[in-house]
């Protein structure tokens, strides 16, 4: 159901909460290098994002890429966990997104491996949005059928 490329794109967009600049491009390059991922591999991952991938078999280096991007984007607290207030300061988030972030944090903030934590948080947020979209679509369909 999930696509690793899509998750990495989401992680990159989280880093780009601030206006996109050369500095953020450097973040991506630094994180790719520190996780031994070439630009070509990353582009291939993005290009494959429309294909189904087995999310549970995601390579560790891609999980660590997500944590690195969040760290470089100053989205984490001093313990390496997502800092919702910091994100809200950088770019105000909707009440819905804030609730989703806090719900996901409740589930995953005990994870000791920070790469796994970042990866699971992105999956949780993505799952929550997909669930909300499905729920909303069902509500709209039911209204049409009334």
N, C-alpha and C. Protein backbone atom coordinates (compact mmCIF):
# COMPACT_ATOMS: atom_id res chain seq x y z
N UNK A 1 0.83 -1.20 0.00
CA UNK A 1 0.00 0.00 0.00
C UNK A 1 0.87 1.26 0.00
N UNK A 2 1.91 1.24 0.81
CA UNK A 2 2.78 2.41 0.87
C UNK A 2 3.91 2.28 -0.12
N UNK A 3 4.44 3.38 -0.49
CA UNK A 3 5.56 3.40 -1.40
C UNK A 3 6.71 4.10 -0.70
N UNK A 4 7.87 3.45 -0.70
CA UNK A 4 9.03 4.03 -0.04
C UNK A 4 9.39 5.38 -0.65
N UNK A 5 9.32 5.48 -1.96
CA UNK A 5 9.63 6.75 -2.62
C UNK A 5 8.72 7.86 -2.14
N UNK A 6 7.44 7.54 -2.01
CA UNK A 6 6.49 8.52 -1.52
C UNK A 6 6.83 8.96 -0.11
N UNK A 7 7.26 8.02 0.72
CA UNK A 7 7.65 8.35 2.09
C UNK A 7 8.86 9.29 2.10
N UNK A 8 9.81 9.02 1.24
CA UNK A 8 10.99 9.89 1.17
C UNK A 8 10.62 11.27 0.65
N UNK A 9 9.71 11.31 -0.31
CA UNK A 9 9.25 12.61 -0.82
C UNK A 9 8.56 13.37 0.30
N UNK A 10 7.74 12.67 1.08
CA UNK A 10 7.06 13.30 2.22
C UNK A 10 8.09 13.83 3.21
N UNK A 11 9.10 13.04 3.49
CA UNK A 11 10.13 13.47 4.43
C UNK A 11 10.86 14.70 3.90
N UNK A 12 11.13 14.73 2.61
CA UNK A 12 11.79 15.91 2.03
C UNK A 12 10.89 17.12 2.12
N UNK A 13 9.57 16.91 1.92
CA UNK A 13 8.68 18.06 2.01
C UNK A 13 8.56 18.57 3.43
N UNK A 14 8.69 17.69 4.40
CA UNK A 14 8.66 18.14 5.80
C UNK A 14 9.84 19.06 6.06
N UNK A 15 10.99 18.71 5.51
CA UNK A 15 12.17 19.56 5.68
C UNK A 15 11.96 20.89 4.99
N UNK A 16 11.19 20.91 3.91
CA UNK A 16 10.96 22.12 3.15
C UNK A 16 9.83 22.97 3.71
N UNK A 17 9.45 22.75 4.95
CA UNK A 17 8.39 23.56 5.56
C UNK A 17 8.76 25.03 5.44
N UNK A 18 10.03 25.33 5.69
CA UNK A 18 10.49 26.69 5.46
C UNK A 18 10.61 26.85 3.95
N UNK A 19 10.71 28.07 3.47
CA UNK A 19 10.82 28.25 2.02
C UNK A 19 12.04 27.51 1.50
N UNK A 20 11.88 26.86 0.35
CA UNK A 20 12.96 26.05 -0.22
C UNK A 20 14.14 26.94 -0.57
N UNK A 21 15.31 26.53 -0.16
CA UNK A 21 16.51 27.31 -0.41
C UNK A 21 17.68 26.38 -0.69
N UNK A 22 18.79 26.96 -1.04
CA UNK A 22 20.01 26.20 -1.27
C UNK A 22 20.40 25.45 -0.02
N UNK A 23 20.16 26.02 1.14
CA UNK A 23 20.49 25.37 2.40
C UNK A 23 19.76 24.04 2.53
N UNK A 24 18.46 24.01 2.19
CA UNK A 24 17.71 22.77 2.28
C UNK A 24 18.17 21.75 1.23
N UNK A 25 18.58 22.23 0.06
CA UNK A 25 19.15 21.32 -0.93
C UNK A 25 20.41 20.67 -0.35
N UNK A 26 21.16 21.45 0.41
CA UNK A 26 22.36 20.92 1.07
C UNK A 26 21.97 19.87 2.10
N UNK A 27 20.87 20.10 2.82
CA UNK A 27 20.39 19.11 3.79
C UNK A 27 20.17 17.77 3.12
N UNK A 28 19.49 17.79 2.00
CA UNK A 28 19.19 16.54 1.29
C UNK A 28 20.49 15.89 0.85
N UNK A 29 21.40 16.66 0.26
CA UNK A 29 22.68 16.11 -0.20
C UNK A 29 23.49 15.54 0.97
N UNK A 30 23.53 16.27 2.07
CA UNK A 30 24.26 15.79 3.25
C UNK A 30 23.66 14.49 3.78
N UNK A 31 22.34 14.43 3.84
CA UNK A 31 21.68 13.23 4.36
C UNK A 31 21.85 12.04 3.42
N UNK A 32 21.80 12.30 2.12
CA UNK A 32 22.04 11.23 1.17
C UNK A 32 23.46 10.68 1.37
N UNK A 33 24.43 11.58 1.44
CA UNK A 33 25.83 11.15 1.60
C UNK A 33 26.05 10.40 2.91
N UNK A 34 25.49 10.91 4.00
CA UNK A 34 25.73 10.28 5.29
C UNK A 34 25.05 8.91 5.41
N UNK A 35 24.10 8.64 4.52
CA UNK A 35 23.42 7.34 4.53
C UNK A 35 23.78 6.48 3.32
N UNK A 36 24.86 6.89 2.64
CA UNK A 36 25.38 6.13 1.51
C UNK A 36 24.32 5.88 0.43
N UNK A 37 23.61 6.95 0.10
CA UNK A 37 22.59 6.90 -0.95
C UNK A 37 23.01 7.91 -2.02
N UNK A 38 23.18 7.43 -3.24
CA UNK A 38 23.57 8.34 -4.32
C UNK A 38 22.35 9.13 -4.77
N UNK A 39 22.61 10.24 -5.44
CA UNK A 39 21.52 11.04 -6.00
C UNK A 39 20.75 10.20 -7.03
N UNK A 40 21.46 9.38 -7.77
CA UNK A 40 20.81 8.52 -8.77
C UNK A 40 19.88 7.51 -8.10
N UNK A 41 20.34 6.91 -6.99
CA UNK A 41 19.49 5.97 -6.26
C UNK A 41 18.25 6.66 -5.71
N UNK A 42 18.46 7.86 -5.21
CA UNK A 42 17.34 8.61 -4.66
C UNK A 42 16.34 8.97 -5.76
N UNK A 43 16.85 9.40 -6.91
CA UNK A 43 15.96 9.72 -8.03
C UNK A 43 15.21 8.48 -8.49
N UNK A 44 15.90 7.35 -8.53
CA UNK A 44 15.25 6.09 -8.92
C UNK A 44 14.14 5.74 -7.92
N UNK A 45 14.41 5.96 -6.66
CA UNK A 45 13.40 5.71 -5.62
C UNK A 45 12.18 6.59 -5.84
N UNK A 46 12.40 7.85 -6.14
CA UNK A 46 11.30 8.77 -6.40
C UNK A 46 10.54 8.35 -7.66
N UNK A 47 11.28 7.98 -8.70
CA UNK A 47 10.65 7.56 -9.95
C UNK A 47 9.80 6.30 -9.76
N UNK A 48 10.24 5.42 -8.85
CA UNK A 48 9.51 4.18 -8.59
C UNK A 48 8.36 4.40 -7.62
N UNK A 49 8.15 5.61 -7.15
CA UNK A 49 7.17 5.83 -6.08
C UNK A 49 5.75 5.45 -6.48
N UNK A 50 5.49 5.30 -7.76
CA UNK A 50 4.14 4.90 -8.17
C UNK A 50 3.97 3.39 -8.11
N UNK A 51 5.06 2.66 -7.90
CA UNK A 51 4.98 1.20 -7.80
C UNK A 51 4.79 0.79 -6.35
N UNK A 52 4.17 -0.33 -6.15
CA UNK A 52 3.99 -0.86 -4.79
C UNK A 52 5.33 -1.40 -4.29
N UNK A 53 5.67 -1.05 -3.06
CA UNK A 53 6.86 -1.58 -2.42
C UNK A 53 6.46 -2.26 -1.13
N UNK A 54 7.24 -3.21 -0.72
CA UNK A 54 7.01 -3.86 0.57
C UNK A 54 7.65 -2.98 1.63
N UNK A 55 6.82 -2.22 2.33
CA UNK A 55 7.30 -1.23 3.28
C UNK A 55 8.12 -1.85 4.41
N UNK A 56 7.79 -3.05 4.80
CA UNK A 56 8.50 -3.70 5.90
C UNK A 56 9.93 -4.06 5.52
N UNK A 57 10.22 -4.14 4.24
CA UNK A 57 11.57 -4.49 3.79
C UNK A 57 12.37 -3.27 3.34
N UNK A 58 11.97 -2.11 3.80
CA UNK A 58 12.69 -0.89 3.45
C UNK A 58 14.10 -0.94 4.02
N UNK A 59 15.05 -0.60 3.19
CA UNK A 59 16.45 -0.61 3.63
C UNK A 59 16.66 0.40 4.75
N UNK A 60 17.53 0.03 5.67
CA UNK A 60 17.82 0.85 6.85
C UNK A 60 18.29 2.25 6.46
N UNK A 61 19.09 2.35 5.43
CA UNK A 61 19.64 3.65 5.05
C UNK A 61 18.55 4.63 4.64
N UNK A 62 17.44 4.14 4.09
CA UNK A 62 16.34 5.03 3.74
C UNK A 62 15.58 5.48 4.98
N UNK A 63 15.49 4.60 5.97
CA UNK A 63 14.87 4.98 7.24
C UNK A 63 15.71 6.07 7.91
N UNK A 64 17.03 5.89 7.88
CA UNK A 64 17.92 6.88 8.50
C UNK A 64 17.93 8.19 7.71
N UNK A 65 17.70 8.12 6.41
CA UNK A 65 17.59 9.33 5.60
C UNK A 65 16.45 10.20 6.13
N UNK A 66 15.33 9.58 6.44
CA UNK A 66 14.18 10.33 6.94
C UNK A 66 14.52 11.02 8.25
N UNK A 67 15.18 10.31 9.16
CA UNK A 67 15.56 10.93 10.44
C UNK A 67 16.54 12.06 10.21
N UNK A 68 17.50 11.84 9.33
CA UNK A 68 18.50 12.87 9.04
C UNK A 68 17.83 14.14 8.51
N UNK A 69 16.88 13.98 7.59
CA UNK A 69 16.19 15.14 7.02
C UNK A 69 15.42 15.91 8.10
N UNK A 70 14.78 15.19 8.99
CA UNK A 70 14.04 15.84 10.07
C UNK A 70 14.99 16.55 11.02
N UNK A 71 16.13 15.92 11.27
CA UNK A 71 17.14 16.52 12.16
C UNK A 71 17.72 17.79 11.53
N UNK A 72 18.11 17.70 10.27
CA UNK A 72 18.67 18.86 9.58
C UNK A 72 17.65 19.99 9.46
N UNK A 73 16.39 19.63 9.36
CA UNK A 73 15.32 20.62 9.26
C UNK A 73 14.90 21.19 10.60
N UNK A 74 15.60 20.80 11.67
CA UNK A 74 15.30 21.27 13.03
C UNK A 74 13.87 20.95 13.45
N UNK A 75 13.41 19.75 13.10
CA UNK A 75 12.05 19.34 13.44
C UNK A 75 12.01 18.41 14.64
N UNK A 76 13.18 18.15 15.23
CA UNK A 76 13.26 17.20 16.33
C UNK A 76 13.64 17.89 17.64
N UNK A 77 13.24 17.28 18.75
CA UNK A 77 13.64 17.81 20.05
C UNK A 77 15.03 17.29 20.40
N UNK A 78 15.51 17.60 21.59
CA UNK A 78 16.87 17.23 21.99
C UNK A 78 17.05 15.71 22.12
N UNK A 79 15.95 14.96 22.20
CA UNK A 79 16.03 13.51 22.29
C UNK A 79 15.90 12.82 20.93
N UNK A 80 15.71 13.60 19.87
CA UNK A 80 15.61 13.04 18.53
C UNK A 80 14.19 12.69 18.11
N UNK A 81 13.21 13.14 18.88
CA UNK A 81 11.81 12.88 18.56
C UNK A 81 11.17 14.13 17.96
N UNK A 82 10.12 13.93 17.19
CA UNK A 82 9.43 15.02 16.53
C UNK A 82 8.96 16.07 17.53
N UNK A 83 9.22 17.32 17.22
CA UNK A 83 8.83 18.45 18.07
C UNK A 83 7.70 19.21 17.38
N UNK A 84 6.47 18.90 17.76
CA UNK A 84 5.30 19.47 17.09
C UNK A 84 5.26 20.99 17.26
N UNK A 85 5.61 21.47 18.44
CA UNK A 85 5.59 22.92 18.66
C UNK A 85 6.59 23.63 17.75
N UNK A 86 7.74 23.03 17.57
CA UNK A 86 8.77 23.60 16.68
C UNK A 86 8.25 23.66 15.24
N UNK A 87 7.62 22.58 14.81
CA UNK A 87 7.05 22.55 13.46
C UNK A 87 6.02 23.65 13.31
N UNK A 88 5.18 23.80 14.33
CA UNK A 88 4.13 24.82 14.30
C UNK A 88 4.72 26.23 14.27
N UNK A 89 5.88 26.43 14.88
CA UNK A 89 6.55 27.73 14.84
C UNK A 89 7.09 28.01 13.44
N UNK A 90 7.62 26.98 12.79
CA UNK A 90 8.18 27.15 11.46
C UNK A 90 7.09 27.45 10.43
N UNK A 91 6.01 26.73 10.55
CA UNK A 91 4.88 26.89 9.64
C UNK A 91 3.65 26.37 10.36
N UNK A 92 2.72 27.24 10.70
CA UNK A 92 1.53 26.79 11.43
C UNK A 92 0.85 25.61 10.73
N UNK A 93 0.51 24.60 11.53
CA UNK A 93 -0.15 23.42 10.99
C UNK A 93 -1.63 23.42 11.36
N UNK A 94 -2.40 22.70 10.60
CA UNK A 94 -3.84 22.62 10.87
C UNK A 94 -4.08 21.84 12.16
N UNK A 95 -5.24 22.04 12.74
CA UNK A 95 -5.60 21.29 13.95
C UNK A 95 -5.61 19.80 13.66
N UNK A 96 -6.06 19.42 12.46
CA UNK A 96 -6.09 18.01 12.08
C UNK A 96 -4.69 17.41 12.06
N UNK A 97 -3.75 18.10 11.42
CA UNK A 97 -2.38 17.60 11.35
C UNK A 97 -1.75 17.56 12.73
N UNK A 98 -1.98 18.59 13.53
CA UNK A 98 -1.44 18.61 14.89
C UNK A 98 -1.93 17.40 15.69
N UNK A 99 -3.22 17.10 15.59
CA UNK A 99 -3.79 15.94 16.30
C UNK A 99 -3.16 14.64 15.81
N UNK A 100 -2.98 14.53 14.49
CA UNK A 100 -2.37 13.32 13.93
C UNK A 100 -0.94 13.18 14.44
N UNK A 101 -0.18 14.26 14.43
CA UNK A 101 1.21 14.21 14.90
C UNK A 101 1.28 13.77 16.35
N UNK A 102 0.43 14.35 17.19
CA UNK A 102 0.43 13.95 18.61
C UNK A 102 -0.01 12.50 18.79
N UNK A 103 -1.00 12.06 18.02
CA UNK A 103 -1.43 10.66 18.11
C UNK A 103 -0.29 9.71 17.73
N UNK A 104 0.42 10.03 16.66
CA UNK A 104 1.53 9.20 16.22
C UNK A 104 2.66 9.23 17.26
N UNK A 105 2.91 10.39 17.83
CA UNK A 105 3.95 10.49 18.86
C UNK A 105 3.63 9.60 20.06
N UNK A 106 2.36 9.53 20.44
CA UNK A 106 1.96 8.68 21.57
C UNK A 106 2.33 7.23 21.32
N UNK A 107 2.22 6.82 20.08
CA UNK A 107 2.51 5.43 19.72
C UNK A 107 4.01 5.17 19.62
N UNK A 108 4.76 6.11 19.04
CA UNK A 108 6.15 5.83 18.65
C UNK A 108 7.23 6.53 19.46
N UNK A 109 6.90 7.47 20.31
CA UNK A 109 7.95 8.20 21.04
C UNK A 109 8.77 7.33 22.00
N UNK A 110 8.37 6.10 22.22
CA UNK A 110 9.17 5.21 23.05
C UNK A 110 10.19 4.42 22.24
N UNK A 111 10.12 4.52 20.93
CA UNK A 111 11.05 3.80 20.05
C UNK A 111 12.47 4.32 20.28
N UNK A 112 13.38 3.42 20.62
CA UNK A 112 14.75 3.82 20.91
C UNK A 112 15.59 4.04 19.66
N UNK A 113 15.32 3.29 18.61
CA UNK A 113 16.07 3.44 17.36
C UNK A 113 15.48 4.63 16.60
N UNK A 114 16.24 5.70 16.48
CA UNK A 114 15.71 6.93 15.90
C UNK A 114 15.43 6.84 14.40
N UNK A 115 16.15 5.98 13.69
CA UNK A 115 15.85 5.78 12.27
C UNK A 115 14.50 5.09 12.12
N UNK A 116 14.30 4.06 12.91
CA UNK A 116 13.01 3.35 12.88
C UNK A 116 11.89 4.28 13.33
N UNK A 117 12.17 5.10 14.34
CA UNK A 117 11.19 6.07 14.84
C UNK A 117 10.73 7.01 13.72
N UNK A 118 11.68 7.62 13.03
CA UNK A 118 11.35 8.58 11.98
C UNK A 118 10.54 7.90 10.88
N UNK A 119 10.95 6.72 10.51
CA UNK A 119 10.26 5.96 9.47
C UNK A 119 8.83 5.64 9.89
N UNK A 120 8.65 5.15 11.11
CA UNK A 120 7.32 4.79 11.61
C UNK A 120 6.42 6.02 11.74
N UNK A 121 7.01 7.15 12.12
CA UNK A 121 6.22 8.39 12.24
C UNK A 121 5.69 8.81 10.87
N UNK A 122 6.52 8.74 9.85
CA UNK A 122 6.07 9.12 8.50
C UNK A 122 4.97 8.16 8.04
N UNK A 123 5.13 6.88 8.30
CA UNK A 123 4.10 5.91 7.93
C UNK A 123 2.80 6.22 8.69
N UNK A 124 2.91 6.49 9.98
CA UNK A 124 1.73 6.78 10.80
C UNK A 124 0.99 8.01 10.28
N UNK A 125 1.72 9.07 10.00
CA UNK A 125 1.09 10.29 9.49
C UNK A 125 0.45 10.03 8.13
N UNK A 126 1.15 9.33 7.27
CA UNK A 126 0.61 9.00 5.94
C UNK A 126 -0.63 8.14 6.07
N UNK A 127 -0.57 7.13 6.93
CA UNK A 127 -1.73 6.26 7.19
C UNK A 127 -2.93 7.07 7.65
N UNK A 128 -2.68 7.97 8.57
CA UNK A 128 -3.76 8.77 9.14
C UNK A 128 -4.42 9.64 8.08
N UNK A 129 -3.62 10.25 7.23
CA UNK A 129 -4.19 11.07 6.16
C UNK A 129 -4.97 10.22 5.18
N UNK A 130 -4.45 9.06 4.83
CA UNK A 130 -5.17 8.18 3.92
C UNK A 130 -6.49 7.73 4.54
N UNK A 131 -6.49 7.41 5.82
CA UNK A 131 -7.71 7.00 6.51
C UNK A 131 -8.72 8.13 6.51
N UNK A 132 -8.25 9.35 6.79
CA UNK A 132 -9.14 10.51 6.80
C UNK A 132 -9.71 10.77 5.42
N UNK A 133 -8.89 10.60 4.37
CA UNK A 133 -9.37 10.82 3.01
C UNK A 133 -10.43 9.78 2.65
N UNK A 134 -10.21 8.53 3.04
CA UNK A 134 -11.18 7.47 2.76
C UNK A 134 -12.47 7.74 3.52
N UNK A 135 -12.35 8.12 4.79
CA UNK A 135 -13.53 8.42 5.60
C UNK A 135 -14.30 9.58 5.00
N UNK A 136 -13.61 10.63 4.59
CA UNK A 136 -14.25 11.80 3.99
C UNK A 136 -14.93 11.43 2.67
N UNK A 137 -14.26 10.62 1.87
CA UNK A 137 -14.84 10.20 0.59
C UNK A 137 -16.11 9.38 0.83
N UNK A 138 -16.07 8.53 1.86
CA UNK A 138 -17.26 7.72 2.19
C UNK A 138 -18.40 8.62 2.65
N UNK A 139 -18.10 9.62 3.45
CA UNK A 139 -19.13 10.55 3.92
C UNK A 139 -19.76 11.27 2.72
N UNK A 140 -18.92 11.74 1.81
CA UNK A 140 -19.42 12.45 0.63
C UNK A 140 -20.27 11.54 -0.25
N UNK A 141 -19.86 10.28 -0.39
CA UNK A 141 -20.62 9.32 -1.18
C UNK A 141 -21.98 9.07 -0.52
N UNK A 142 -21.98 8.92 0.81
CA UNK A 142 -23.24 8.70 1.52
C UNK A 142 -24.19 9.88 1.37
N UNK A 143 -23.64 11.09 1.38
CA UNK A 143 -24.48 12.29 1.21
C UNK A 143 -25.12 12.29 -0.18
N UNK A 144 -24.36 11.86 -1.18
CA UNK A 144 -24.88 11.83 -2.54
C UNK A 144 -26.00 10.79 -2.67
N UNK A 145 -25.88 9.70 -1.91
CA UNK A 145 -26.88 8.64 -2.01
C UNK A 145 -28.14 8.92 -1.21
N UNK A 146 -28.16 9.97 -0.40
CA UNK A 146 -29.33 10.27 0.43
C UNK A 146 -30.42 10.94 -0.35
